[in-house]
């Protein structure tokens, strides 16, 4: 069962972020994304609308930084089309694969945190803190 603060947090998101949150929250609570979505829809339809004041979580990262949405198999996101020594060195540093919060593209990144990433697909800049 989702708590009231979690439901308010989902409600404050735009549609695309909400879809990603259904999956993220579901994995954390061992539920499917559809179950999380149905609980949110039931809460939304039940008149429990959000208040005008949004209370940020106590352990929220600094504004402008994001928590990474990890992809299980990072090895698929190590491009091998560039045989140069520099490219080989960059590929060896890729430890994680994350989803771009803006467009959903997969990005291979090193394990260093915080890290500033520019998505090559949508050119959005993000700083991942975890």
C-alpha atoms as a PDB file:
ATOM      1  CA  UNK A   1       0.000   0.000   0.000  1.00  0.00           C
ATOM      2  CA  UNK A   2       1.344   3.425  -0.930  1.00  0.00           C
ATOM      3  CA  UNK A   3       1.573   6.133   1.695  1.00  0.00           C
ATOM      4  CA  UNK A   4      -0.061   9.556   1.365  1.00  0.00           C
ATOM      5  CA  UNK A   5       3.298  11.364   0.855  1.00  0.00           C
ATOM      6  CA  UNK A   6       4.255   8.927  -1.928  1.00  0.00           C
ATOM      7  CA  UNK A   7       0.909   9.493  -3.652  1.00  0.00           C
ATOM      8  CA  UNK A   8       1.337  13.278  -3.375  1.00  0.00           C
ATOM      9  CA  UNK A   9       4.846  12.975  -4.818  1.00  0.00           C
ATOM     10  CA  UNK A  10       3.510  10.976  -7.783  1.00  0.00           C
ATOM     11  CA  UNK A  11       0.739  13.522  -8.281  1.00  0.00           C
ATOM     12  CA  UNK A  12       3.256  16.391  -8.486  1.00  0.00           C
ATOM     13  CA  UNK A  13       5.084  14.730 -11.408  1.00  0.00           C
ATOM     14  CA  UNK A  14       4.449  15.260 -15.082  1.00  0.00           C
ATOM     15  CA  UNK A  15       2.985  12.332 -17.022  1.00  0.00           C
ATOM     16  CA  UNK A  16       6.260  10.813 -18.238  1.00  0.00           C
ATOM     17  CA  UNK A  17       7.987  11.045 -14.840  1.00  0.00           C
ATOM     18  CA  UNK A  18       4.887   9.490 -13.292  1.00  0.00           C
ATOM     19  CA  UNK A  19       5.170   6.462 -15.611  1.00  0.00           C
ATOM     20  CA  UNK A  20       8.801   5.988 -14.596  1.00  0.00           C
ATOM     21  CA  UNK A  21       7.892   6.437 -10.919  1.00  0.00           C
ATOM     22  CA  UNK A  22       5.268   3.673 -11.110  1.00  0.00           C
ATOM     23  CA  UNK A  23       8.024   1.233 -12.074  1.00  0.00           C
ATOM     24  CA  UNK A  24      10.605   2.591  -9.593  1.00  0.00           C
ATOM     25  CA  UNK A  25       8.197   2.588  -6.643  1.00  0.00           C
ATOM     26  CA  UNK A  26       6.809  -0.797  -7.642  1.00  0.00           C
ATOM     27  CA  UNK A  27      10.269  -2.371  -7.636  1.00  0.00           C
ATOM     28  CA  UNK A  28      10.953  -0.866  -4.207  1.00  0.00           C
ATOM     29  CA  UNK A  29       7.708  -2.235  -2.785  1.00  0.00           C
ATOM     30  CA  UNK A  30       7.725  -5.487  -4.780  1.00  0.00           C
ATOM     31  CA  UNK A  31       4.632  -4.505  -6.757  1.00  0.00           C
ATOM     32  CA  UNK A  32       4.022  -4.192 -10.466  1.00  0.00           C
ATOM     33  CA  UNK A  33       3.896  -0.780 -12.090  1.00  0.00           C
ATOM     34  CA  UNK A  34       0.229  -1.452 -12.906  1.00  0.00           C
ATOM     35  CA  UNK A  35      -0.554  -2.021  -9.212  1.00  0.00           C
ATOM     36  CA  UNK A  36       1.154   1.252  -8.264  1.00  0.00           C
ATOM     37  CA  UNK A  37      -0.735   3.058 -11.023  1.00  0.00           C
ATOM     38  CA  UNK A  38      -4.073   1.579  -9.923  1.00  0.00           C
ATOM     39  CA  UNK A  39      -3.450   2.667  -6.309  1.00  0.00           C
ATOM     40  CA  UNK A  40      -2.583   6.169  -7.514  1.00  0.00           C
ATOM     41  CA  UNK A  41      -5.708   6.312  -9.726  1.00  0.00           C
ATOM     42  CA  UNK A  42      -7.883   5.104  -6.839  1.00  0.00           C
ATOM     43  CA  UNK A  43      -6.366   7.746  -4.547  1.00  0.00           C
ATOM     44  CA  UNK A  44      -6.770  10.437  -7.203  1.00  0.00           C
ATOM     45  CA  UNK A  45     -10.377   9.460  -7.919  1.00  0.00           C
ATOM     46  CA  UNK A  46     -11.214   9.145  -4.219  1.00  0.00           C
ATOM     47  CA  UNK A  47     -11.068  12.890  -3.642  1.00  0.00           C
ATOM     48  CA  UNK A  48      -7.722  12.751  -1.888  1.00  0.00           C
ATOM     49  CA  UNK A  49      -6.321  15.448  -4.148  1.00  0.00           C
ATOM     50  CA  UNK A  50      -3.007  17.067  -3.371  1.00  0.00           C
ATOM     51  CA  UNK A  51      -2.824  20.053  -1.100  1.00  0.00           C
ATOM     52  CA  UNK A  52      -1.562  23.391  -2.364  1.00  0.00           C
ATOM     53  CA  UNK A  53       1.622  23.032  -0.348  1.00  0.00           C
ATOM     54  CA  UNK A  54       4.097  20.406  -1.454  1.00  0.00           C
ATOM     55  CA  UNK A  55       6.272  19.027   1.320  1.00  0.00           C
ATOM     56  CA  UNK A  56       9.652  17.819  -0.003  1.00  0.00           C
ATOM     57  CA  UNK A  57      11.031  14.581   1.460  1.00  0.00           C
ATOM     58  CA  UNK A  58      13.490  15.097   4.322  1.00  0.00           C
ATOM     59  CA  UNK A  59      16.310  13.265   2.543  1.00  0.00           C
ATOM     60  CA  UNK A  60      15.738  14.803  -0.896  1.00  0.00           C
ATOM     61  CA  UNK A  61      18.855  15.445  -2.999  1.00  0.00           C
ATOM     62  CA  UNK A  62      19.761  19.064  -3.769  1.00  0.00           C
ATOM     63  CA  UNK A  63      17.556  20.775  -6.327  1.00  0.00           C
ATOM     64  CA  UNK A  64      18.704  20.081  -9.880  1.00  0.00           C
ATOM     65  CA  UNK A  65      20.256  16.710  -9.033  1.00  0.00           C
ATOM     66  CA  UNK A  66      18.593  13.381  -9.680  1.00  0.00           C
ATOM     67  CA  UNK A  67      18.750   9.844  -8.519  1.00  0.00           C
ATOM     68  CA  UNK A  68      19.684   7.461 -11.311  1.00  0.00           C
ATOM     69  CA  UNK A  69      17.224   4.939 -12.710  1.00  0.00           C
ATOM     70  CA  UNK A  70      19.626   2.012 -13.221  1.00  0.00           C
ATOM     71  CA  UNK A  71      19.494  -0.574 -15.992  1.00  0.00           C
ATOM     72  CA  UNK A  72      20.492  -4.069 -14.912  1.00  0.00           C
ATOM     73  CA  UNK A  73      22.868  -5.012 -17.775  1.00  0.00           C
ATOM     74  CA  UNK A  74      25.308  -2.128 -18.389  1.00  0.00           C
ATOM     75  CA  UNK A  75      27.462  -4.184 -20.779  1.00  0.00           C
ATOM     76  CA  UNK A  76      24.942  -3.692 -23.591  1.00  0.00           C
ATOM     77  CA  UNK A  77      25.574   0.060 -23.474  1.00  0.00           C
ATOM     78  CA  UNK A  78      29.314  -0.067 -24.129  1.00  0.00           C
ATOM     79  CA  UNK A  79      29.574   1.067 -27.747  1.00  0.00           C
ATOM     80  CA  UNK A  80      32.295  -0.805 -29.612  1.00  0.00           C
ATOM     81  CA  UNK A  81      32.264   1.004 -32.963  1.00  0.00           C
ATOM     82  CA  UNK A  82      35.236   3.291 -32.117  1.00  0.00           C
ATOM     83  CA  UNK A  83      38.510   1.303 -31.950  1.00  0.00           C
ATOM     84  CA  UNK A  84      40.676   4.217 -30.727  1.00  0.00           C
ATOM     85  CA  UNK A  85      42.614   3.896 -27.445  1.00  0.00           C
ATOM     86  CA  UNK A  86      40.643   6.777 -25.925  1.00  0.00           C
ATOM     87  CA  UNK A  87      37.341   5.063 -26.720  1.00  0.00           C
ATOM     88  CA  UNK A  88      38.580   1.768 -25.279  1.00  0.00           C
ATOM     89  CA  UNK A  89      39.543   3.608 -22.067  1.00  0.00           C
ATOM     90  CA  UNK A  90      36.112   5.294 -21.863  1.00  0.00           C
ATOM     91  CA  UNK A  91      34.311   1.982 -22.448  1.00  0.00           C
ATOM     92  CA  UNK A  92      36.263   0.331 -19.647  1.00  0.00           C
ATOM     93  CA  UNK A  93      35.011   3.025 -17.219  1.00  0.00           C
ATOM     94  CA  UNK A  94      31.322   2.310 -17.907  1.00  0.00           C
ATOM     95  CA  UNK A  95      30.064   0.607 -14.774  1.00  0.00           C
ATOM     96  CA  UNK A  96      26.372   1.529 -14.835  1.00  0.00           C
ATOM     97  CA  UNK A  97      23.638   2.173 -17.339  1.00  0.00           C
ATOM     98  CA  UNK A  98      20.870   4.630 -16.466  1.00  0.00           C
ATOM     99  CA  UNK A  99      17.752   5.936 -18.160  1.00  0.00           C
ATOM    100  CA  UNK A 100      17.739   9.589 -19.219  1.00  0.00           C
ATOM    101  CA  UNK A 101      15.059  11.231 -17.031  1.00  0.00           C
ATOM    102  CA  UNK A 102      13.997  13.429 -19.945  1.00  0.00           C
ATOM    103  CA  UNK A 103      13.757  11.146 -22.982  1.00  0.00           C
ATOM    104  CA  UNK A 104      14.303   7.633 -21.570  1.00  0.00           C
ATOM    105  CA  UNK A 105      17.441   6.854 -23.609  1.00  0.00           C
ATOM    106  CA  UNK A 106      19.927   4.451 -22.089  1.00  0.00           C
ATOM    107  CA  UNK A 107      23.193   6.083 -21.003  1.00  0.00           C
ATOM    108  CA  UNK A 108      26.365   4.245 -20.027  1.00  0.00           C
ATOM    109  CA  UNK A 109      28.134   6.088 -17.189  1.00  0.00           C
ATOM    110  CA  UNK A 110      31.054   5.446 -14.799  1.00  0.00           C
ATOM    111  CA  UNK A 111      30.450   4.745 -11.108  1.00  0.00           C
ATOM    112  CA  UNK A 112      31.673   8.227 -10.044  1.00  0.00           C
ATOM    113  CA  UNK A 113      29.040  10.278  -8.119  1.00  0.00           C
ATOM    114  CA  UNK A 114      27.948  12.990  -8.351  1.00  0.00           C
ATOM    115  CA  UNK A 115      28.299  13.009 -12.123  1.00  0.00           C
ATOM    116  CA  UNK A 116      27.022  15.518 -14.658  1.00  0.00           C
ATOM    117  CA  UNK A 117      25.716  13.865 -17.825  1.00  0.00           C
ATOM    118  CA  UNK A 118      24.547  15.370 -21.111  1.00  0.00           C
ATOM    119  CA  UNK A 119      22.179  13.037 -22.937  1.00  0.00           C
ATOM    120  CA  UNK A 120      23.291  12.697 -26.576  1.00  0.00           C
ATOM    121  CA  UNK A 121      19.697  12.076 -27.679  1.00  0.00           C
ATOM    122  CA  UNK A 122      17.892  15.072 -26.183  1.00  0.00           C
ATOM    123  CA  UNK A 123      20.883  17.229 -25.105  1.00  0.00           C
ATOM    124  CA  UNK A 124      19.475  17.601 -21.560  1.00  0.00           C
ATOM    125  CA  UNK A 125      21.947  18.019 -18.694  1.00  0.00           C
ATOM    126  CA  UNK A 126      21.485  16.049 -15.473  1.00  0.00           C
ATOM    127  CA  UNK A 127      23.512  15.540 -12.315  1.00  0.00           C
ATOM    128  CA  UNK A 128      23.133  12.087 -10.798  1.00  0.00           C
ATOM    129  CA  UNK A 129      23.869  11.823  -7.079  1.00  0.00           C
ATOM    130  CA  UNK A 130      23.202   8.133  -6.546  1.00  0.00           C
END
